[in-house]
Amino acid sequence: MFPNFHTHTEYCDGKGSPEDYIKEAVKLKLPALGFSGHAPVPFDSWWNMSENDFEKYRLEISFLKEKYKNKLEIYTAVEADFIRDLVKPSDFKDKNLDYIIGSVHYLYPENADKPYDFIISPEVFKEVLSKFYQNDIKKLIKDYYRQINLMIESGSVDIVGHLDQVQKFNKNNLFFDEKKDFYMPIVCETLDLISEKKLILEINTRGKLKKQLENFFPSTQIIIEAKKRDITFMLNADAHKPEELNSYFPEAKAYLSNLGINELAVFEKGKIYKKTVSKSI
């Protein structure tokens, strides 16, 4: 079976304790499991860990690493946001973590008085688009990828999470068409930066699980462009429940194989290795 390194527990917006996930991983015979709770942010957020819970989270997983050391490898990480002037992944580089997933869930437009979790719901997405981008989806997309670029440049990111989550509510091209001239050049600038920094690009199956996407984050076209740049991929479930630990992994394996991707990154004994998909699932 294939390991999962993107996992959320009851410490943030997931369901179940870390040990619940570990027991499921052992049952599934996963070789490794990485916890990546949503890192703290300097404002109230129901789905980010508080600073106090973050400390408890690290201590509990450290204890469980020892308890289950003969069953599977366990990794402690965070999914850290980049929000201009407020928080960035490198804020957590000295927290004794095994890796950091860098993601953008918030937009903080120049004319806004606070950050907005613009992908929390279609209603908030529409509100942000209207209020701060004058219903110009191109402006919002440019700002979104600009934040990702700034996040990458800020350092300490190991894995770029669900790169094109701006497509979350874009089923049937509700807001934009990826094939339009403006979109892919913007994305390719980000892919060039990911390639330059030698970061891992996550293939995230949660969008398909939640029926938001036909396939996965990122889109087929983005994966093709990333492959051209020799970017390394990692398959993750973005699990929010123990039973989601390997959601759509067999389908993702076949999908990636059809795109000519037969190697994926995994952590093994604390280091990153590329393994052929057929041998690691």
C-alpha atoms as a PDB file:
ATOM      1  CA  MET A   1       0.000   0.000   0.000  1.00  0.00           C
ATOM      2  CA  PHE A   2       1.003   3.590  -0.584  1.00  0.00           C
ATOM      3  CA  PRO A   3       1.790   5.962   2.338  1.00  0.00           C
ATOM      4  CA  ASN A   4      -0.084   9.204   3.002  1.00  0.00           C
ATOM      5  CA  PHE A   5       1.653  12.355   4.205  1.00  0.00           C
ATOM      6  CA  HIS A   6      -1.256  14.839   4.269  1.00  0.00           C
ATOM      7  CA  THR A   7      -3.466  14.116   7.280  1.00  0.00           C
ATOM      8  CA  HIS A   8      -5.712  16.258   9.501  1.00  0.00           C
ATOM      9  CA  THR A   9      -6.953  15.169  12.927  1.00  0.00           C
ATOM     10  CA  GLU A  10      -9.255  16.579  15.583  1.00  0.00           C
ATOM     11  CA  TYR A  11      -6.460  18.989  16.472  1.00  0.00           C
ATOM     12  CA  CYS A  12      -7.585  21.069  13.477  1.00  0.00           C
ATOM     13  CA  ASP A  13     -10.500  20.325  11.116  1.00  0.00           C
ATOM     14  CA  GLY A  14     -10.259  16.536  10.971  1.00  0.00           C
ATOM     15  CA  LYS A  15     -12.277  13.879  12.748  1.00  0.00           C
ATOM     16  CA  GLY A  16     -10.569  11.445  15.075  1.00  0.00           C
ATOM     17  CA  SER A  17      -7.434  11.366  17.188  1.00  0.00           C
ATOM     18  CA  PRO A  18      -3.933  10.794  15.794  1.00  0.00           C
ATOM     19  CA  GLU A  19      -4.042   7.267  17.214  1.00  0.00           C
ATOM     20  CA  ASP A  20      -7.307   6.566  15.337  1.00  0.00           C
ATOM     21  CA  TYR A  21      -5.475   7.324  12.093  1.00  0.00           C
ATOM     22  CA  ILE A  22      -2.478   5.227  13.090  1.00  0.00           C
ATOM     23  CA  LYS A  23      -4.659   2.212  13.876  1.00  0.00           C
ATOM     24  CA  GLU A  24      -6.324   2.561  10.462  1.00  0.00           C
ATOM     25  CA  ALA A  25      -2.936   2.912   8.775  1.00  0.00           C
ATOM     26  CA  VAL A  26      -1.723  -0.270  10.483  1.00  0.00           C
ATOM     27  CA  LYS A  27      -4.890  -2.069   9.385  1.00  0.00           C
ATOM     28  CA  LEU A  28      -4.291  -0.905   5.813  1.00  0.00           C
ATOM     29  CA  LYS A  29      -0.627  -1.958   6.098  1.00  0.00           C
ATOM     30  CA  LEU A  30       0.624   1.487   5.155  1.00  0.00           C
ATOM     31  CA  PRO A  31       4.404   1.738   5.480  1.00  0.00           C
ATOM     32  CA  ALA A  32       4.249   5.317   6.746  1.00  0.00           C
ATOM     33  CA  LEU A  33       1.859   8.043   7.861  1.00  0.00           C
ATOM     34  CA  GLY A  34       2.493  11.766   8.038  1.00  0.00           C
ATOM     35  CA  PHE A  35       0.406  14.149  10.139  1.00  0.00           C
ATOM     36  CA  SER A  36       0.074  17.660   8.730  1.00  0.00           C
ATOM     37  CA  GLY A  37      -2.287  19.667  10.927  1.00  0.00           C
ATOM     38  CA  HIS A  38      -3.210  23.168   9.823  1.00  0.00           C
ATOM     39  CA  ALA A  39      -0.551  25.359  11.418  1.00  0.00           C
ATOM     40  CA  PRO A  40      -1.573  28.189  13.772  1.00  0.00           C
ATOM     41  CA  VAL A  41      -2.454  31.613  12.368  1.00  0.00           C
ATOM     42  CA  PRO A  42      -2.434  34.912  14.333  1.00  0.00           C
ATOM     43  CA  PHE A  43      -6.224  35.328  14.339  1.00  0.00           C
ATOM     44  CA  ASP A  44      -9.281  33.277  15.228  1.00  0.00           C
ATOM     45  CA  SER A  45      -9.813  30.320  12.913  1.00  0.00           C
ATOM     46  CA  TRP A  46     -11.893  27.283  13.733  1.00  0.00           C
ATOM     47  CA  TRP A  47      -9.921  25.003  11.425  1.00  0.00           C
ATOM     48  CA  ASN A  48      -6.352  26.002  12.298  1.00  0.00           C
ATOM     49  CA  MET A  49      -4.625  24.654  15.384  1.00  0.00           C
ATOM     50  CA  SER A  50      -4.213  27.075  18.263  1.00  0.00           C
ATOM     51  CA  GLU A  51      -0.680  27.614  19.550  1.00  0.00           C
ATOM     52  CA  ASN A  52      -1.550  25.600  22.649  1.00  0.00           C
ATOM     53  CA  ASP A  53      -2.994  22.709  20.640  1.00  0.00           C
ATOM     54  CA  PHE A  54       0.001  22.783  18.324  1.00  0.00           C
ATOM     55  CA  GLU A  55       2.273  21.981  21.247  1.00  0.00           C
ATOM     56  CA  LYS A  56      -0.033  19.169  22.410  1.00  0.00           C
ATOM     57  CA  TYR A  57      -0.180  17.845  18.831  1.00  0.00           C
ATOM     58  CA  ARG A  58       3.590  17.607  18.563  1.00  0.00           C
ATOM     59  CA  LEU A  59       3.921  15.945  21.967  1.00  0.00           C
ATOM     60  CA  GLU A  60       1.192  13.387  21.260  1.00  0.00           C
ATOM     61  CA  ILE A  61       2.614  12.403  17.886  1.00  0.00           C
ATOM     62  CA  SER A  62       6.090  12.134  19.400  1.00  0.00           C
ATOM     63  CA  PHE A  63       4.682   9.704  21.965  1.00  0.00           C
ATOM     64  CA  LEU A  64       2.853   7.720  19.259  1.00  0.00           C
ATOM     65  CA  LYS A  65       5.984   7.513  17.108  1.00  0.00           C
ATOM     66  CA  GLU A  66       7.647   5.597  19.895  1.00  0.00           C
ATOM     67  CA  LYS A  67       4.582   3.493  20.693  1.00  0.00           C
ATOM     68  CA  TYR A  68       4.118   2.318  17.094  1.00  0.00           C
ATOM     69  CA  LYS A  69       7.751   2.338  15.946  1.00  0.00           C
ATOM     70  CA  ASN A  70       7.626  -1.348  15.071  1.00  0.00           C
ATOM     71  CA  LYS A  71       4.382  -1.004  13.095  1.00  0.00           C
ATOM     72  CA  LEU A  72       4.950   1.926  10.724  1.00  0.00           C
ATOM     73  CA  GLU A  73       6.937   5.122  10.284  1.00  0.00           C
ATOM     74  CA  ILE A  74       5.182   8.211  11.660  1.00  0.00           C
ATOM     75  CA  TYR A  75       6.033  11.770  10.644  1.00  0.00           C
ATOM     76  CA  THR A  76       5.190  15.081  12.314  1.00  0.00           C
ATOM     77  CA  ALA A  77       4.484  18.001   9.999  1.00  0.00           C
ATOM     78  CA  VAL A  78       2.179  20.938   9.396  1.00  0.00           C
ATOM     79  CA  GLU A  79       0.296  22.359   6.477  1.00  0.00           C
ATOM     80  CA  ALA A  80       1.325  25.988   6.817  1.00  0.00           C
ATOM     81  CA  ASP A  81      -0.307  28.949   5.134  1.00  0.00           C
ATOM     82  CA  PHE A  82       1.262  32.002   3.585  1.00  0.00           C
ATOM     83  CA  ILE A  83      -0.634  35.186   4.400  1.00  0.00           C
ATOM     84  CA  ARG A  84       1.210  38.388   3.595  1.00  0.00           C
ATOM     85  CA  ASP A  85       2.537  40.272   6.648  1.00  0.00           C
ATOM     86  CA  LEU A  86       1.012  37.693   9.020  1.00  0.00           C
ATOM     87  CA  VAL A  87       2.327  34.143   8.698  1.00  0.00           C
ATOM     88  CA  LYS A  88       4.520  31.991   6.468  1.00  0.00           C
ATOM     89  CA  PRO A  89       5.806  28.401   6.458  1.00  0.00           C
ATOM     90  CA  SER A  90       9.279  29.435   7.612  1.00  0.00           C
ATOM     91  CA  ASP A  91       7.735  30.571  10.920  1.00  0.00           C
ATOM     92  CA  PHE A  92       7.629  26.846  11.777  1.00  0.00           C
ATOM     93  CA  LYS A  93      11.079  25.804  10.585  1.00  0.00           C
ATOM     94  CA  ASP A  94      12.460  25.563  14.147  1.00  0.00           C
ATOM     95  CA  LYS A  95       9.591  23.452  15.522  1.00  0.00           C
ATOM     96  CA  ASN A  96      11.322  20.087  15.063  1.00  0.00           C
ATOM     97  CA  LEU A  97       9.058  19.032  12.191  1.00  0.00           C
ATOM     98  CA  ASP A  98       9.833  16.354   9.637  1.00  0.00           C
ATOM     99  CA  TYR A  99       8.519  18.422   6.712  1.00  0.00           C
ATOM    100  CA  ILE A 100       6.245  21.352   5.866  1.00  0.00           C
ATOM    101  CA  ILE A 101       3.434  21.429   3.325  1.00  0.00           C
ATOM    102  CA  GLY A 102       2.972  24.975   2.042  1.00  0.00           C
ATOM    103  CA  SER A 103      -0.531  25.962   0.912  1.00  0.00           C
ATOM    104  CA  VAL A 104      -2.612  29.058   0.279  1.00  0.00           C
ATOM    105  CA  HIS A 105      -6.120  28.962   1.747  1.00  0.00           C
ATOM    106  CA  TYR A 106      -6.436  32.687   2.447  1.00  0.00           C
ATOM    107  CA  LEU A 107      -6.338  35.789   0.303  1.00  0.00           C
ATOM    108  CA  TYR A 108      -5.526  39.136   1.897  1.00  0.00           C
ATOM    109  CA  PRO A 109      -6.231  41.727  -0.800  1.00  0.00           C
ATOM    110  CA  GLU A 110      -4.498  45.087  -0.477  1.00  0.00           C
ATOM    111  CA  ASN A 111      -7.836  46.846   0.154  1.00  0.00           C
ATOM    112  CA  ALA A 112      -9.062  44.304   2.716  1.00  0.00           C
ATOM    113  CA  ASP A 113      -9.018  44.733   6.498  1.00  0.00           C
ATOM    114  CA  LYS A 114      -8.467  41.029   7.151  1.00  0.00           C
ATOM    115  CA  PRO A 115      -7.549  37.786   5.369  1.00  0.00           C
ATOM    116  CA  TYR A 116     -10.388  35.826   3.778  1.00  0.00           C
ATOM    117  CA  ASP A 117     -10.617  32.057   3.613  1.00  0.00           C
ATOM    118  CA  PHE A 118     -11.865  32.439   0.074  1.00  0.00           C
ATOM    119  CA  ILE A 119     -12.201  28.712  -0.624  1.00  0.00           C
ATOM    120  CA  ILE A 120     -14.231  27.812   2.453  1.00  0.00           C
ATOM    121  CA  SER A 121     -17.502  28.019   0.473  1.00  0.00           C
ATOM    122  CA  PRO A 122     -18.824  29.136  -2.927  1.00  0.00           C
ATOM    123  CA  GLU A 123     -20.558  32.058  -1.180  1.00  0.00           C
ATOM    124  CA  VAL A 124     -17.326  33.401   0.318  1.00  0.00           C
ATOM    125  CA  PHE A 125     -15.498  32.867  -2.978  1.00  0.00           C
ATOM    126  CA  LYS A 126     -18.130  34.960  -4.762  1.00  0.00           C
ATOM    127  CA  GLU A 127     -18.030  37.611  -2.029  1.00  0.00           C
ATOM    128  CA  VAL A 128     -14.249  37.996  -2.249  1.00  0.00           C
ATOM    129  CA  LEU A 129     -14.326  38.009  -6.048  1.00  0.00           C
ATOM    130  CA  SER A 130     -16.965  40.753  -6.090  1.00  0.00           C
ATOM    131  CA  LYS A 131     -15.797  42.887  -3.157  1.00  0.00           C
ATOM    132  CA  PHE A 132     -12.052  42.941  -3.768  1.00  0.00           C
ATOM    133  CA  TYR A 133     -11.511  41.946  -7.402  1.00  0.00           C
ATOM    134  CA  GLN A 134     -14.489  43.663  -9.075  1.00  0.00           C
ATOM    135  CA  ASN A 135     -15.699  40.279 -10.356  1.00  0.00           C
ATOM    136  CA  ASP A 136     -12.533  40.015 -12.432  1.00  0.00           C
ATOM    137  CA  ILE A 137     -11.534  36.360 -11.988  1.00  0.00           C
ATOM    138  CA  LYS A 138      -8.229  36.986 -13.745  1.00  0.00           C
ATOM    139  CA  LYS A 139      -7.238  39.448 -10.990  1.00  0.00           C
ATOM    140  CA  LEU A 140      -8.123  36.958  -8.262  1.00  0.00           C
ATOM    141  CA  ILE A 141      -6.223  34.135  -9.950  1.00  0.00           C
ATOM    142  CA  LYS A 142      -3.167  36.339 -10.432  1.00  0.00           C
ATOM    143  CA  ASP A 143      -3.232  37.278  -6.755  1.00  0.00           C
ATOM    144  CA  TYR A 144      -3.678  33.660  -5.682  1.00  0.00           C
ATOM    145  CA  TYR A 145      -0.660  32.420  -7.635  1.00  0.00           C
ATOM    146  CA  ARG A 146       1.336  35.481  -6.586  1.00  0.00           C
ATOM    147  CA  GLN A 147       0.790  34.419  -2.960  1.00  0.00           C
ATOM    148  CA  ILE A 148       1.992  30.913  -3.785  1.00  0.00           C
ATOM    149  CA  ASN A 149       5.092  32.338  -5.448  1.00  0.00           C
ATOM    150  CA  LEU A 150       5.808  34.550  -2.426  1.00  0.00           C
ATOM    151  CA  MET A 151       5.289  31.538  -0.166  1.00  0.00           C
ATOM    152  CA  ILE A 152       7.821  29.492  -2.138  1.00  0.00           C
ATOM    153  CA  GLU A 153      10.320  32.360  -2.117  1.00  0.00           C
ATOM    154  CA  SER A 154       9.890  32.789   1.650  1.00  0.00           C
ATOM    155  CA  GLY A 155      11.479  29.365   2.187  1.00  0.00           C
ATOM    156  CA  SER A 156      11.051  26.230   4.324  1.00  0.00           C
ATOM    157  CA  VAL A 157       8.412  24.639   2.063  1.00  0.00           C
ATOM    158  CA  ASP A 158       9.057  20.994   1.217  1.00  0.00           C
ATOM    159  CA  ILE A 159       5.774  20.132  -0.516  1.00  0.00           C
ATOM    160  CA  VAL A 160       3.410  22.476  -2.364  1.00  0.00           C
ATOM    161  CA  GLY A 161      -0.121  21.469  -1.398  1.00  0.00           C
ATOM    162  CA  HIS A 162      -3.154  21.303  -3.735  1.00  0.00           C
ATOM    163  CA  LEU A 163      -1.621  23.868  -6.083  1.00  0.00           C
ATOM    164  CA  ASP A 164      -4.728  24.900  -8.045  1.00  0.00           C
ATOM    165  CA  GLN A 165      -7.267  24.907  -5.227  1.00  0.00           C
ATOM    166  CA  VAL A 166      -8.582  28.095  -6.826  1.00  0.00           C
ATOM    167  CA  GLN A 167     -10.476  25.600  -9.029  1.00  0.00           C
ATOM    168  CA  LYS A 168     -12.334  24.147  -6.045  1.00  0.00           C
ATOM    169  CA  PHE A 169     -15.708  25.652  -6.998  1.00  0.00           C
ATOM    170  CA  ASN A 170     -15.034  25.884 -10.714  1.00  0.00           C
ATOM    171  CA  LYS A 171     -16.834  22.735 -11.809  1.00  0.00           C
ATOM    172  CA  ASN A 172     -18.097  23.055 -15.395  1.00  0.00           C
ATOM    173  CA  ASN A 173     -16.000  26.239 -15.744  1.00  0.00           C
ATOM    174  CA  LEU A 174     -18.356  28.175 -13.481  1.00  0.00           C
ATOM    175  CA  PHE A 175     -15.823  30.975 -12.941  1.00  0.00           C
ATOM    176  CA  PHE A 176     -13.145  30.476 -15.590  1.00  0.00           C
ATOM    177  CA  ASP A 177     -11.861  28.174 -18.290  1.00  0.00           C
ATOM    178  CA  GLU A 178      -8.415  26.728 -17.636  1.00  0.00           C
ATOM    179  CA  LYS A 179      -7.885  26.584 -21.381  1.00  0.00           C
ATOM    180  CA  LYS A 180      -8.213  30.353 -21.776  1.00  0.00           C
ATOM    181  CA  ASP A 181      -5.034  32.126 -22.821  1.00  0.00           C
ATOM    182  CA  PHE A 182      -4.408  33.914 -19.527  1.00  0.00           C
ATOM    183  CA  TYR A 183      -4.489  30.984 -17.098  1.00  0.00           C
ATOM    184  CA  MET A 184      -1.684  28.549 -17.902  1.00  0.00           C
ATOM    185  CA  PRO A 185       1.031  31.222 -18.343  1.00  0.00           C
ATOM    186  CA  ILE A 186       0.293  32.346 -14.767  1.00  0.00           C
ATOM    187  CA  VAL A 187       0.469  28.768 -13.496  1.00  0.00           C
ATOM    188  CA  CYS A 188       3.643  28.031 -15.447  1.00  0.00           C
ATOM    189  CA  GLU A 189       5.461  30.874 -13.677  1.00  0.00           C
ATOM    190  CA  THR A 190       4.703  29.067 -10.419  1.00  0.00           C
ATOM    191  CA  LEU A 191       5.763  25.711 -11.860  1.00  0.00           C
ATOM    192  CA  ASP A 192       9.057  27.257 -12.977  1.00  0.00           C
ATOM    193  CA  LEU A 193       9.629  28.409  -9.410  1.00  0.00           C
ATOM    194  CA  ILE A 194       8.745  24.995  -7.958  1.00  0.00           C
ATOM    195  CA  SER A 195      11.203  23.415 -10.386  1.00  0.00           C
ATOM    196  CA  GLU A 196      13.926  25.959  -9.601  1.00  0.00           C
ATOM    197  CA  LYS A 197      13.580  25.373  -5.850  1.00  0.00           C
ATOM    198  CA  LYS A 198      13.352  21.596  -6.342  1.00  0.00           C
ATOM    199  CA  LEU A 199      10.140  21.317  -4.332  1.00  0.00           C
ATOM    200  CA  ILE A 200       7.670  18.442  -4.382  1.00  0.00           C
ATOM    201  CA  LEU A 201       4.292  19.011  -6.021  1.00  0.00           C
ATOM    202  CA  GLU A 202       1.406  17.239  -4.353  1.00  0.00           C
ATOM    203  CA  ILE A 203      -1.195  15.210  -6.233  1.00  0.00           C
ATOM    204  CA  ASN A 204      -4.151  15.622  -3.869  1.00  0.00           C
ATOM    205  CA  THR A 205      -7.145  13.292  -4.172  1.00  0.00           C
ATOM    206  CA  ARG A 206      -9.526  15.179  -1.862  1.00  0.00           C
ATOM    207  CA  GLY A 207     -11.168  17.227  -4.618  1.00  0.00           C
ATOM    208  CA  LYS A 208     -12.355  14.026  -6.278  1.00  0.00           C
ATOM    209  CA  LEU A 209     -13.442  12.540  -2.963  1.00  0.00           C
ATOM    210  CA  LYS A 210     -15.593  15.619  -2.271  1.00  0.00           C
ATOM    211  CA  LYS A 211     -16.921  15.534  -5.856  1.00  0.00           C
ATOM    212  CA  GLN A 212     -15.516  19.002  -6.523  1.00  0.00           C
ATOM    213  CA  LEU A 213     -13.325  17.799  -9.395  1.00  0.00           C
ATOM    214  CA  GLU A 214     -13.395  15.206 -12.128  1.00  0.00           C
ATOM    215  CA  ASN A 215      -9.822  14.227 -11.301  1.00  0.00           C
ATOM    216  CA  PHE A 216      -7.426  15.666  -8.717  1.00  0.00           C
ATOM    217  CA  PHE A 217      -5.539  18.764  -7.577  1.00  0.00           C
ATOM    218  CA  PRO A 218      -3.734  19.912  -9.655  1.00  0.00           C
ATOM    219  CA  SER A 219      -5.425  19.571 -13.023  1.00  0.00           C
ATOM    220  CA  THR A 220      -4.252  17.298 -15.814  1.00  0.00           C
ATOM    221  CA  GLN A 221      -2.836  20.208 -17.797  1.00  0.00           C
ATOM    222  CA  ILE A 222      -0.825  21.435 -14.813  1.00  0.00           C
ATOM    223  CA  ILE A 223       0.538  17.948 -14.154  1.00  0.00           C
ATOM    224  CA  ILE A 224       1.608  17.691 -17.799  1.00  0.00           C
ATOM    225  CA  GLU A 225       3.394  21.055 -17.573  1.00  0.00           C
ATOM    226  CA  ALA A 226       5.012  20.068 -14.269  1.00  0.00           C
ATOM    227  CA  LYS A 227       6.263  16.816 -15.791  1.00  0.00           C
ATOM    228  CA  LYS A 228       7.932  18.801 -18.592  1.00  0.00           C
ATOM    229  CA  ARG A 229       9.886  20.615 -15.864  1.00  0.00           C
ATOM    230  CA  ASP A 230      10.985  17.383 -14.125  1.00  0.00           C
ATOM    231  CA  ILE A 231       9.071  18.307 -10.990  1.00  0.00           C
ATOM    232  CA  THR A 232       8.772  15.528  -8.417  1.00  0.00           C
ATOM    233  CA  PHE A 233       5.249  14.450  -7.432  1.00  0.00           C
ATOM    234  CA  MET A 234       3.843  13.061  -4.194  1.00  0.00           C
ATOM    235  CA  LEU A 235       0.427  11.402  -3.911  1.00  0.00           C
ATOM    236  CA  ASN A 236      -1.603  12.434  -0.847  1.00  0.00           C
ATOM    237  CA  ALA A 237      -5.172  11.935   0.326  1.00  0.00           C
ATOM    238  CA  ASP A 238      -5.534  15.121   2.418  1.00  0.00           C
ATOM    239  CA  ALA A 239      -7.404  12.847   4.834  1.00  0.00           C
ATOM    240  CA  HIS A 240      -9.817  14.392   7.335  1.00  0.00           C
ATOM    241  CA  LYS A 241     -11.118  11.040   8.624  1.00  0.00           C
ATOM    242  CA  PRO A 242      -9.258   7.777   9.269  1.00  0.00           C
ATOM    243  CA  GLU A 243     -11.220   5.995   6.537  1.00  0.00           C
ATOM    244  CA  GLU A 244      -9.943   8.552   3.988  1.00  0.00           C
ATOM    245  CA  LEU A 245      -6.260   7.658   4.344  1.00  0.00           C
ATOM    246  CA  ASN A 246      -5.958   6.101   0.886  1.00  0.00           C
ATOM    247  CA  SER A 247      -8.947   7.677  -0.875  1.00  0.00           C
ATOM    248  CA  TYR A 248      -8.818   7.201  -4.655  1.00  0.00           C
ATOM    249  CA  PHE A 249      -5.181   6.032  -4.586  1.00  0.00           C
ATOM    250  CA  PRO A 250      -5.727   3.156  -7.055  1.00  0.00           C
ATOM    251  CA  GLU A 251      -7.544   5.519  -9.443  1.00  0.00           C
ATOM    252  CA  ALA A 252      -4.812   8.130  -9.042  1.00  0.00           C
ATOM    253  CA  LYS A 253      -2.145   5.509  -9.771  1.00  0.00           C
ATOM    254  CA  ALA A 254      -3.825   4.572 -13.067  1.00  0.00           C
ATOM    255  CA  TYR A 255      -4.454   8.227 -13.942  1.00  0.00           C
ATOM    256  CA  LEU A 256      -0.819   9.213 -13.337  1.00  0.00           C
ATOM    257  CA  SER A 257       0.458   6.181 -15.207  1.00  0.00           C
ATOM    258  CA  ASN A 258      -1.582   7.254 -18.225  1.00  0.00           C
ATOM    259  CA  LEU A 259       0.196  10.612 -18.022  1.00  0.00           C
ATOM    260  CA  GLY A 260       3.572   8.888 -18.027  1.00  0.00           C
ATOM    261  CA  ILE A 261       4.244   9.410 -14.323  1.00  0.00           C
ATOM    262  CA  ASN A 262       5.531   6.199 -12.774  1.00  0.00           C
ATOM    263  CA  GLU A 263       7.627   7.546  -9.904  1.00  0.00           C
ATOM    264  CA  LEU A 264       6.365   9.296  -6.777  1.00  0.00           C
ATOM    265  CA  ALA A 265       8.141  10.736  -3.762  1.00  0.00           C
ATOM    266  CA  VAL A 266       7.807   9.105  -0.352  1.00  0.00           C
ATOM    267  CA  PHE A 267       9.465   9.578   3.002  1.00  0.00           C
ATOM    268  CA  GLU A 268      11.428   6.578   4.184  1.00  0.00           C
ATOM    269  CA  LYS A 269      13.604   6.601   7.297  1.00  0.00           C
ATOM    270  CA  GLY A 270      13.399  10.364   7.359  1.00  0.00           C
ATOM    271  CA  LYS A 271      14.542  10.937   3.794  1.00  0.00           C
ATOM    272  CA  ILE A 272      12.792  11.522   0.477  1.00  0.00           C
ATOM    273  CA  TYR A 273      12.987   8.746  -2.080  1.00  0.00           C
ATOM    274  CA  LYS A 274      11.398   8.274  -5.471  1.00  0.00           C
ATOM    275  CA  LYS A 275       9.688   4.943  -5.881  1.00  0.00           C
ATOM    276  CA  THR A 276       8.029   3.408  -8.880  1.00  0.00           C
ATOM    277  CA  VAL A 277       4.283   3.440  -8.375  1.00  0.00           C
ATOM    278  CA  SER A 278       3.785  -0.219  -9.183  1.00  0.00           C
ATOM    279  CA  LYS A 279       6.250  -1.235  -6.473  1.00  0.00           C
ATOM    280  CA  SER A 280       4.991   1.126  -3.787  1.00  0.00           C
ATOM    281  CA  ILE A 281       1.240   0.548  -3.882  1.00  0.00           C
END
